[in-house]
């Protein structure tokens, strides 16, 4: 279920123009983030899938190593 939720993190067209505004009182400023940019940053977490695939294709996950361990 965690992987499904993680893979749903992606920029969507209906969020175009949506902003997240944060006020930083210490510096007396406001910061605007686009929601799609935040979602794009979170979607880079999908790189773990390539690492997972690499591990499955190595000898570490072979039937023999599964029997021995």
PDB file of N, CA and C in Angstrom:
ATOM      1  N   UNK A   1       0.831  -1.188   0.000  1.00  0.00           N
ATOM      2  CA  UNK A   1       0.000   0.000   0.000  1.00  0.00           C
ATOM      3  C   UNK A   1       0.882   1.260   0.000  1.00  0.00           C
ATOM      4  N   UNK A   2       2.016   1.173   0.713  1.00  0.00           N
ATOM      5  CA  UNK A   2       2.929   2.314   0.766  1.00  0.00           C
ATOM      6  C   UNK A   2       3.467   2.646  -0.620  1.00  0.00           C
ATOM      7  N   UNK A   3       3.798   1.609  -1.393  1.00  0.00           N
ATOM      8  CA  UNK A   3       4.322   1.833  -2.738  1.00  0.00           C
ATOM      9  C   UNK A   3       3.281   2.462  -3.650  1.00  0.00           C
ATOM     10  N   UNK A   4       2.036   2.081  -3.494  1.00  0.00           N
ATOM     11  CA  UNK A   4       0.968   2.666  -4.314  1.00  0.00           C
ATOM     12  C   UNK A   4       0.833   4.147  -4.009  1.00  0.00           C
ATOM     13  N   UNK A   5       0.844   4.499  -2.756  1.00  0.00           N
ATOM     14  CA  UNK A   5       0.737   5.915  -2.371  1.00  0.00           C
ATOM     15  C   UNK A   5       1.956   6.690  -2.848  1.00  0.00           C
ATOM     16  N   UNK A   6       3.126   6.091  -2.725  1.00  0.00           N
ATOM     17  CA  UNK A   6       4.347   6.754  -3.167  1.00  0.00           C
ATOM     18  C   UNK A   6       4.349   6.981  -4.676  1.00  0.00           C
ATOM     19  N   UNK A   7       3.825   6.025  -5.431  1.00  0.00           N
ATOM     20  CA  UNK A   7       3.794   6.160  -6.882  1.00  0.00           C
ATOM     21  C   UNK A   7       2.701   7.103  -7.370  1.00  0.00           C
ATOM     22  N   UNK A   8       1.753   7.440  -6.523  1.00  0.00           N
ATOM     23  CA  UNK A   8       0.734   8.418  -6.892  1.00  0.00           C
ATOM     24  C   UNK A   8       1.250   9.853  -6.821  1.00  0.00           C
ATOM     25  N   UNK A   9       2.404  10.044  -6.195  1.00  0.00           N
ATOM     26  CA  UNK A   9       2.995  11.381  -6.105  1.00  0.00           C
ATOM     27  C   UNK A   9       3.558  11.772  -7.467  1.00  0.00           C
ATOM     28  N   UNK A  10       2.857  12.626  -8.155  1.00  0.00           N
ATOM     29  CA  UNK A  10       3.283  13.079  -9.473  1.00  0.00           C
ATOM     30  C   UNK A  10       2.602  14.415  -9.755  1.00  0.00           C
ATOM     31  N   UNK A  11       3.214  15.243 -10.602  1.00  0.00           N
ATOM     32  CA  UNK A  11       2.551  16.497 -10.976  1.00  0.00           C
ATOM     33  C   UNK A  11       1.297  16.206 -11.809  1.00  0.00           C
ATOM     34  N   UNK A  12       0.235  16.885 -11.514  1.00  0.00           N
ATOM     35  CA  UNK A  12      -1.028  16.697 -12.226  1.00  0.00           C
ATOM     36  C   UNK A  12      -1.440  17.993 -12.913  1.00  0.00           C
ATOM     37  N   UNK A  13      -2.054  17.902 -14.095  1.00  0.00           N
ATOM     38  CA  UNK A  13      -2.453  19.113 -14.829  1.00  0.00           C
ATOM     39  C   UNK A  13      -3.491  19.952 -14.091  1.00  0.00           C
ATOM     40  N   UNK A  14      -4.372  19.318 -13.326  1.00  0.00           N
ATOM     41  CA  UNK A  14      -5.401  20.086 -12.631  1.00  0.00           C
ATOM     42  C   UNK A  14      -4.845  20.886 -11.455  1.00  0.00           C
ATOM     43  N   UNK A  15      -3.592  20.644 -11.086  1.00  0.00           N
ATOM     44  CA  UNK A  15      -2.955  21.424 -10.026  1.00  0.00           C
ATOM     45  C   UNK A  15      -2.124  22.577 -10.580  1.00  0.00           C
ATOM     46  N   UNK A  16      -2.178  22.775 -11.906  1.00  0.00           N
ATOM     47  CA  UNK A  16      -1.441  23.878 -12.524  1.00  0.00           C
ATOM     48  C   UNK A  16      -1.907  25.210 -11.952  1.00  0.00           C
ATOM     49  N   UNK A  17      -0.987  25.998 -11.503  1.00  0.00           N
ATOM     50  CA  UNK A  17      -1.318  27.311 -10.958  1.00  0.00           C
ATOM     51  C   UNK A  17      -1.621  27.300  -9.471  1.00  0.00           C
ATOM     52  N   UNK A  18      -1.759  26.131  -8.863  1.00  0.00           N
ATOM     53  CA  UNK A  18      -2.001  26.056  -7.423  1.00  0.00           C
ATOM     54  C   UNK A  18      -0.719  26.403  -6.683  1.00  0.00           C
ATOM     55  N   UNK A  19      -0.849  27.197  -5.651  1.00  0.00           N
ATOM     56  CA  UNK A  19       0.318  27.657  -4.909  1.00  0.00           C
ATOM     57  C   UNK A  19       0.185  27.290  -3.435  1.00  0.00           C
ATOM     58  N   UNK A  20       1.329  27.043  -2.837  1.00  0.00           N
ATOM     59  CA  UNK A  20       1.432  26.859  -1.400  1.00  0.00           C
ATOM     60  C   UNK A  20       2.233  28.046  -0.887  1.00  0.00           C
ATOM     61  N   UNK A  21       1.644  28.840  -0.012  1.00  0.00           N
ATOM     62  CA  UNK A  21       2.279  30.069   0.480  1.00  0.00           C
ATOM     63  C   UNK A  21       2.669  29.859   1.940  1.00  0.00           C
ATOM     64  N   UNK A  22       3.909  30.162   2.223  1.00  0.00           N
ATOM     65  CA  UNK A  22       4.428  30.032   3.578  1.00  0.00           C
ATOM     66  C   UNK A  22       5.006  31.373   4.005  1.00  0.00           C
ATOM     67  N   UNK A  23       4.664  31.804   5.206  1.00  0.00           N
ATOM     68  CA  UNK A  23       5.151  33.072   5.743  1.00  0.00           C
ATOM     69  C   UNK A  23       6.279  32.782   6.726  1.00  0.00           C
ATOM     70  N   UNK A  24       7.439  33.406   6.489  1.00  0.00           N
ATOM     71  CA  UNK A  24       8.590  33.252   7.382  1.00  0.00           C
ATOM     72  C   UNK A  24       8.716  34.554   8.166  1.00  0.00           C
ATOM     73  N   UNK A  25       8.280  34.489   9.412  1.00  0.00           N
ATOM     74  CA  UNK A  25       8.265  35.703  10.229  1.00  0.00           C
ATOM     75  C   UNK A  25       9.660  36.141  10.638  1.00  0.00           C
ATOM     76  N   UNK A  26      10.585  35.214  10.740  1.00  0.00           N
ATOM     77  CA  UNK A  26      11.943  35.548  11.169  1.00  0.00           C
ATOM     78  C   UNK A  26      12.617  36.476  10.167  1.00  0.00           C
ATOM     79  N   UNK A  27      12.333  36.296   8.882  1.00  0.00           N
ATOM     80  CA  UNK A  27      12.945  37.119   7.840  1.00  0.00           C
ATOM     81  C   UNK A  27      11.954  38.095   7.209  1.00  0.00           C
ATOM     82  N   UNK A  28      10.756  38.148   7.745  1.00  0.00           N
ATOM     83  CA  UNK A  28       9.727  39.081   7.277  1.00  0.00           C
ATOM     84  C   UNK A  28       9.474  38.918   5.773  1.00  0.00           C
ATOM     85  N   UNK A  29       9.255  37.688   5.335  1.00  0.00           N
ATOM     86  CA  UNK A  29       9.051  37.422   3.914  1.00  0.00           C
ATOM     87  C   UNK A  29       8.029  36.302   3.730  1.00  0.00           C
ATOM     88  N   UNK A  30       7.519  36.211   2.533  1.00  0.00           N
ATOM     89  CA  UNK A  30       6.630  35.104   2.183  1.00  0.00           C
ATOM     90  C   UNK A  30       7.265  34.320   1.039  1.00  0.00           C
ATOM     91  N   UNK A  31       7.046  33.032   1.054  1.00  0.00           N
ATOM     92  CA  UNK A  31       7.591  32.152   0.023  1.00  0.00           C
ATOM     93  C   UNK A  31       6.434  31.450  -0.655  1.00  0.00           C
ATOM     94  N   UNK A  32       6.440  31.462  -1.983  1.00  0.00           N
ATOM     95  CA  UNK A  32       5.402  30.782  -2.760  1.00  0.00           C
ATOM     96  C   UNK A  32       6.005  29.573  -3.460  1.00  0.00           C
ATOM     97  N   UNK A  33       5.385  28.441  -3.268  1.00  0.00           N
ATOM     98  CA  UNK A  33       5.779  27.225  -3.966  1.00  0.00           C
ATOM     99  C   UNK A  33       4.619  26.786  -4.837  1.00  0.00           C
ATOM    100  N   UNK A  34       4.911  26.296  -6.028  1.00  0.00           N
ATOM    101  CA  UNK A  34       3.862  25.687  -6.837  1.00  0.00           C
ATOM    102  C   UNK A  34       3.693  24.255  -6.378  1.00  0.00           C
ATOM    103  N   UNK A  35       2.461  23.813  -6.273  1.00  0.00           N
ATOM    104  CA  UNK A  35       2.172  22.470  -5.784  1.00  0.00           C
ATOM    105  C   UNK A  35       2.764  21.427  -6.726  1.00  0.00           C
ATOM    106  N   UNK A  36       2.721  21.662  -8.029  1.00  0.00           N
ATOM    107  CA  UNK A  36       3.281  20.706  -8.983  1.00  0.00           C
ATOM    108  C   UNK A  36       4.788  20.553  -8.821  1.00  0.00           C
ATOM    109  N   UNK A  37       5.482  21.611  -8.466  1.00  0.00           N
ATOM    110  CA  UNK A  37       6.927  21.523  -8.246  1.00  0.00           C
ATOM    111  C   UNK A  37       7.220  20.670  -7.017  1.00  0.00           C
ATOM    112  N   UNK A  38       6.427  20.820  -5.971  1.00  0.00           N
ATOM    113  CA  UNK A  38       6.595  20.001  -4.767  1.00  0.00           C
ATOM    114  C   UNK A  38       6.323  18.538  -5.086  1.00  0.00           C
ATOM    115  N   UNK A  39       5.264  18.295  -5.868  1.00  0.00           N
ATOM    116  CA  UNK A  39       4.940  16.915  -6.251  1.00  0.00           C
ATOM    117  C   UNK A  39       6.036  16.315  -7.133  1.00  0.00           C
ATOM    118  N   UNK A  40       6.630  17.127  -7.988  1.00  0.00           N
ATOM    119  CA  UNK A  40       7.729  16.646  -8.829  1.00  0.00           C
ATOM    120  C   UNK A  40       8.924  16.258  -7.975  1.00  0.00           C
ATOM    121  N   UNK A  41       9.219  17.065  -6.980  1.00  0.00           N
ATOM    122  CA  UNK A  41      10.314  16.745  -6.062  1.00  0.00           C
ATOM    123  C   UNK A  41      10.045  15.436  -5.329  1.00  0.00           C
ATOM    124  N   UNK A  42       8.810  15.222  -4.896  1.00  0.00           N
ATOM    125  CA  UNK A  42       8.465  13.993  -4.185  1.00  0.00           C
ATOM    126  C   UNK A  42       8.461  12.786  -5.105  1.00  0.00           C
ATOM    127  N   UNK A  43       8.235  12.992  -6.394  1.00  0.00           N
ATOM    128  CA  UNK A  43       8.194  11.854  -7.312  1.00  0.00           C
ATOM    129  C   UNK A  43       9.582  11.287  -7.588  1.00  0.00           C
ATOM    130  N   UNK A  44      10.634  11.991  -7.241  1.00  0.00           N
ATOM    131  CA  UNK A  44      11.983  11.450  -7.398  1.00  0.00           C
ATOM    132  C   UNK A  44      12.240  10.290  -6.444  1.00  0.00           C
ATOM    133  N   UNK A  45      11.358  10.104  -5.479  1.00  0.00           N
ATOM    134  CA  UNK A  45      11.476   8.950  -4.581  1.00  0.00           C
ATOM    135  C   UNK A  45      11.267   7.645  -5.318  1.00  0.00           C
ATOM    136  N   UNK A  46      10.743   7.701  -6.532  1.00  0.00           N
ATOM    137  CA  UNK A  46      10.522   6.487  -7.315  1.00  0.00           C
ATOM    138  C   UNK A  46      11.824   5.869  -7.802  1.00  0.00           C
ATOM    139  N   UNK A  47      12.928   6.535  -7.620  1.00  0.00           N
ATOM    140  CA  UNK A  47      14.208   5.970  -8.030  1.00  0.00           C
ATOM    141  C   UNK A  47      14.549   4.700  -7.258  1.00  0.00           C
ATOM    142  N   UNK A  48      13.894   4.513  -6.122  1.00  0.00           N
ATOM    143  CA  UNK A  48      14.136   3.287  -5.379  1.00  0.00           C
ATOM    144  C   UNK A  48      13.699   2.070  -6.189  1.00  0.00           C
ATOM    145  N   UNK A  49      12.773   2.228  -7.128  1.00  0.00           N
ATOM    146  CA  UNK A  49      12.327   1.100  -7.938  1.00  0.00           C
ATOM    147  C   UNK A  49      13.453   0.544  -8.792  1.00  0.00           C
ATOM    148  N   UNK A  50      14.311   1.417  -9.316  1.00  0.00           N
ATOM    149  CA  UNK A  50      15.429   0.926 -10.118  1.00  0.00           C
ATOM    150  C   UNK A  50      16.440   0.193  -9.235  1.00  0.00           C
ATOM    151  N   UNK A  51      16.653   0.664  -8.015  1.00  0.00           N
ATOM    152  CA  UNK A  51      17.552  -0.032  -7.088  1.00  0.00           C
ATOM    153  C   UNK A  51      16.967  -1.386  -6.699  1.00  0.00           C
ATOM    154  N   UNK A  52      15.669  -1.423  -6.495  1.00  0.00           N
ATOM    155  CA  UNK A  52      14.996  -2.671  -6.155  1.00  0.00           C
ATOM    156  C   UNK A  52      15.107  -3.679  -7.299  1.00  0.00           C
ATOM    157  N   UNK A  53      14.933  -3.208  -8.524  1.00  0.00           N
ATOM    158  CA  UNK A  53      15.061  -4.075  -9.699  1.00  0.00           C
ATOM    159  C   UNK A  53      16.488  -4.612  -9.816  1.00  0.00           C
ATOM    160  N   UNK A  54      17.473  -3.753  -9.583  1.00  0.00           N
ATOM    161  CA  UNK A  54      18.875  -4.175  -9.655  1.00  0.00           C
ATOM    162  C   UNK A  54      19.180  -5.264  -8.632  1.00  0.00           C
ATOM    163  N   UNK A  55      18.658  -5.119  -7.426  1.00  0.00           N
ATOM    164  CA  UNK A  55      18.890  -6.122  -6.387  1.00  0.00           C
ATOM    165  C   UNK A  55      18.236  -7.446  -6.764  1.00  0.00           C
ATOM    166  N   UNK A  56      17.044  -7.392  -7.342  1.00  0.00           N
ATOM    167  CA  UNK A  56      16.368  -8.626  -7.750  1.00  0.00           C
ATOM    168  C   UNK A  56      17.102  -9.340  -8.880  1.00  0.00           C
ATOM    169  N   UNK A  57      17.821  -8.604  -9.697  1.00  0.00           N
ATOM    170  CA  UNK A  57      18.513  -9.214 -10.826  1.00  0.00           C
ATOM    171  C   UNK A  57      19.907  -9.726 -10.464  1.00  0.00           C
ATOM    172  N   UNK A  58      20.412  -9.432  -9.287  1.00  0.00           N
ATOM    173  CA  UNK A  58      21.735  -9.894  -8.880  1.00  0.00           C
ATOM    174  C   UNK A  58      21.655 -11.315  -8.328  1.00  0.00           C
ATOM    175  N   UNK A  59      22.811 -11.859  -8.016  1.00  0.00           N
ATOM    176  CA  UNK A  59      22.856 -13.215  -7.474  1.00  0.00           C
ATOM    177  C   UNK A  59      22.375 -13.270  -6.025  1.00  0.00           C
ATOM    178  N   UNK A  60      22.160 -12.131  -5.407  1.00  0.00           N
ATOM    179  CA  UNK A  60      21.694 -12.112  -4.022  1.00  0.00           C
ATOM    180  C   UNK A  60      20.283 -12.657  -3.877  1.00  0.00           C
ATOM    181  N   UNK A  61      19.510 -12.577  -4.944  1.00  0.00           N
ATOM    182  CA  UNK A  61      18.120 -13.021  -4.884  1.00  0.00           C
ATOM    183  C   UNK A  61      17.888 -14.290  -5.706  1.00  0.00           C
ATOM    184  N   UNK A  62      18.927 -15.024  -5.986  1.00  0.00           N
ATOM    185  CA  UNK A  62      18.776 -16.250  -6.767  1.00  0.00           C
ATOM    186  C   UNK A  62      18.126 -17.334  -5.891  1.00  0.00           C
ATOM    187  N   UNK A  63      17.555 -18.362  -6.520  1.00  0.00           N
ATOM    188  CA  UNK A  63      16.938 -19.439  -5.734  1.00  0.00           C
ATOM    189  C   UNK A  63      17.940 -20.126  -4.799  1.00  0.00           C
ATOM    190  N   UNK A  64      19.195 -20.240  -5.242  1.00  0.00           N
ATOM    191  CA  UNK A  64      20.190 -20.880  -4.384  1.00  0.00           C
ATOM    192  C   UNK A  64      20.445 -20.055  -3.118  1.00  0.00           C
ATOM    193  N   UNK A  65      20.590 -18.773  -3.267  1.00  0.00           N
ATOM    194  CA  UNK A  65      20.832 -17.944  -2.080  1.00  0.00           C
ATOM    195  C   UNK A  65      19.601 -17.921  -1.172  1.00  0.00           C
ATOM    196  N   UNK A  66      18.413 -18.037  -1.734  1.00  0.00           N
ATOM    197  CA  UNK A  66      17.215 -18.106  -0.921  1.00  0.00           C
ATOM    198  C   UNK A  66      17.182 -19.410  -0.104  1.00  0.00           C
ATOM    199  N   UNK A  67      17.644 -20.511  -0.722  1.00  0.00           N
ATOM    200  CA  UNK A  67      17.685 -21.791  -0.005  1.00  0.00           C
ATOM    201  C   UNK A  67      18.717 -21.756   1.121  1.00  0.00           C
ATOM    202  N   UNK A  68      19.883 -21.207   0.838  1.00  0.00           N
ATOM    203  CA  UNK A  68      20.970 -21.213   1.810  1.00  0.00           C
ATOM    204  C   UNK A  68      20.646 -20.299   2.990  1.00  0.00           C
ATOM    205  N   UNK A  69      20.102 -19.172   2.707  1.00  0.00           N
ATOM    206  CA  UNK A  69      19.819 -18.216   3.783  1.00  0.00           C
ATOM    207  C   UNK A  69      18.498 -18.529   4.446  1.00  0.00           C
TER     208      UNK A  69
END
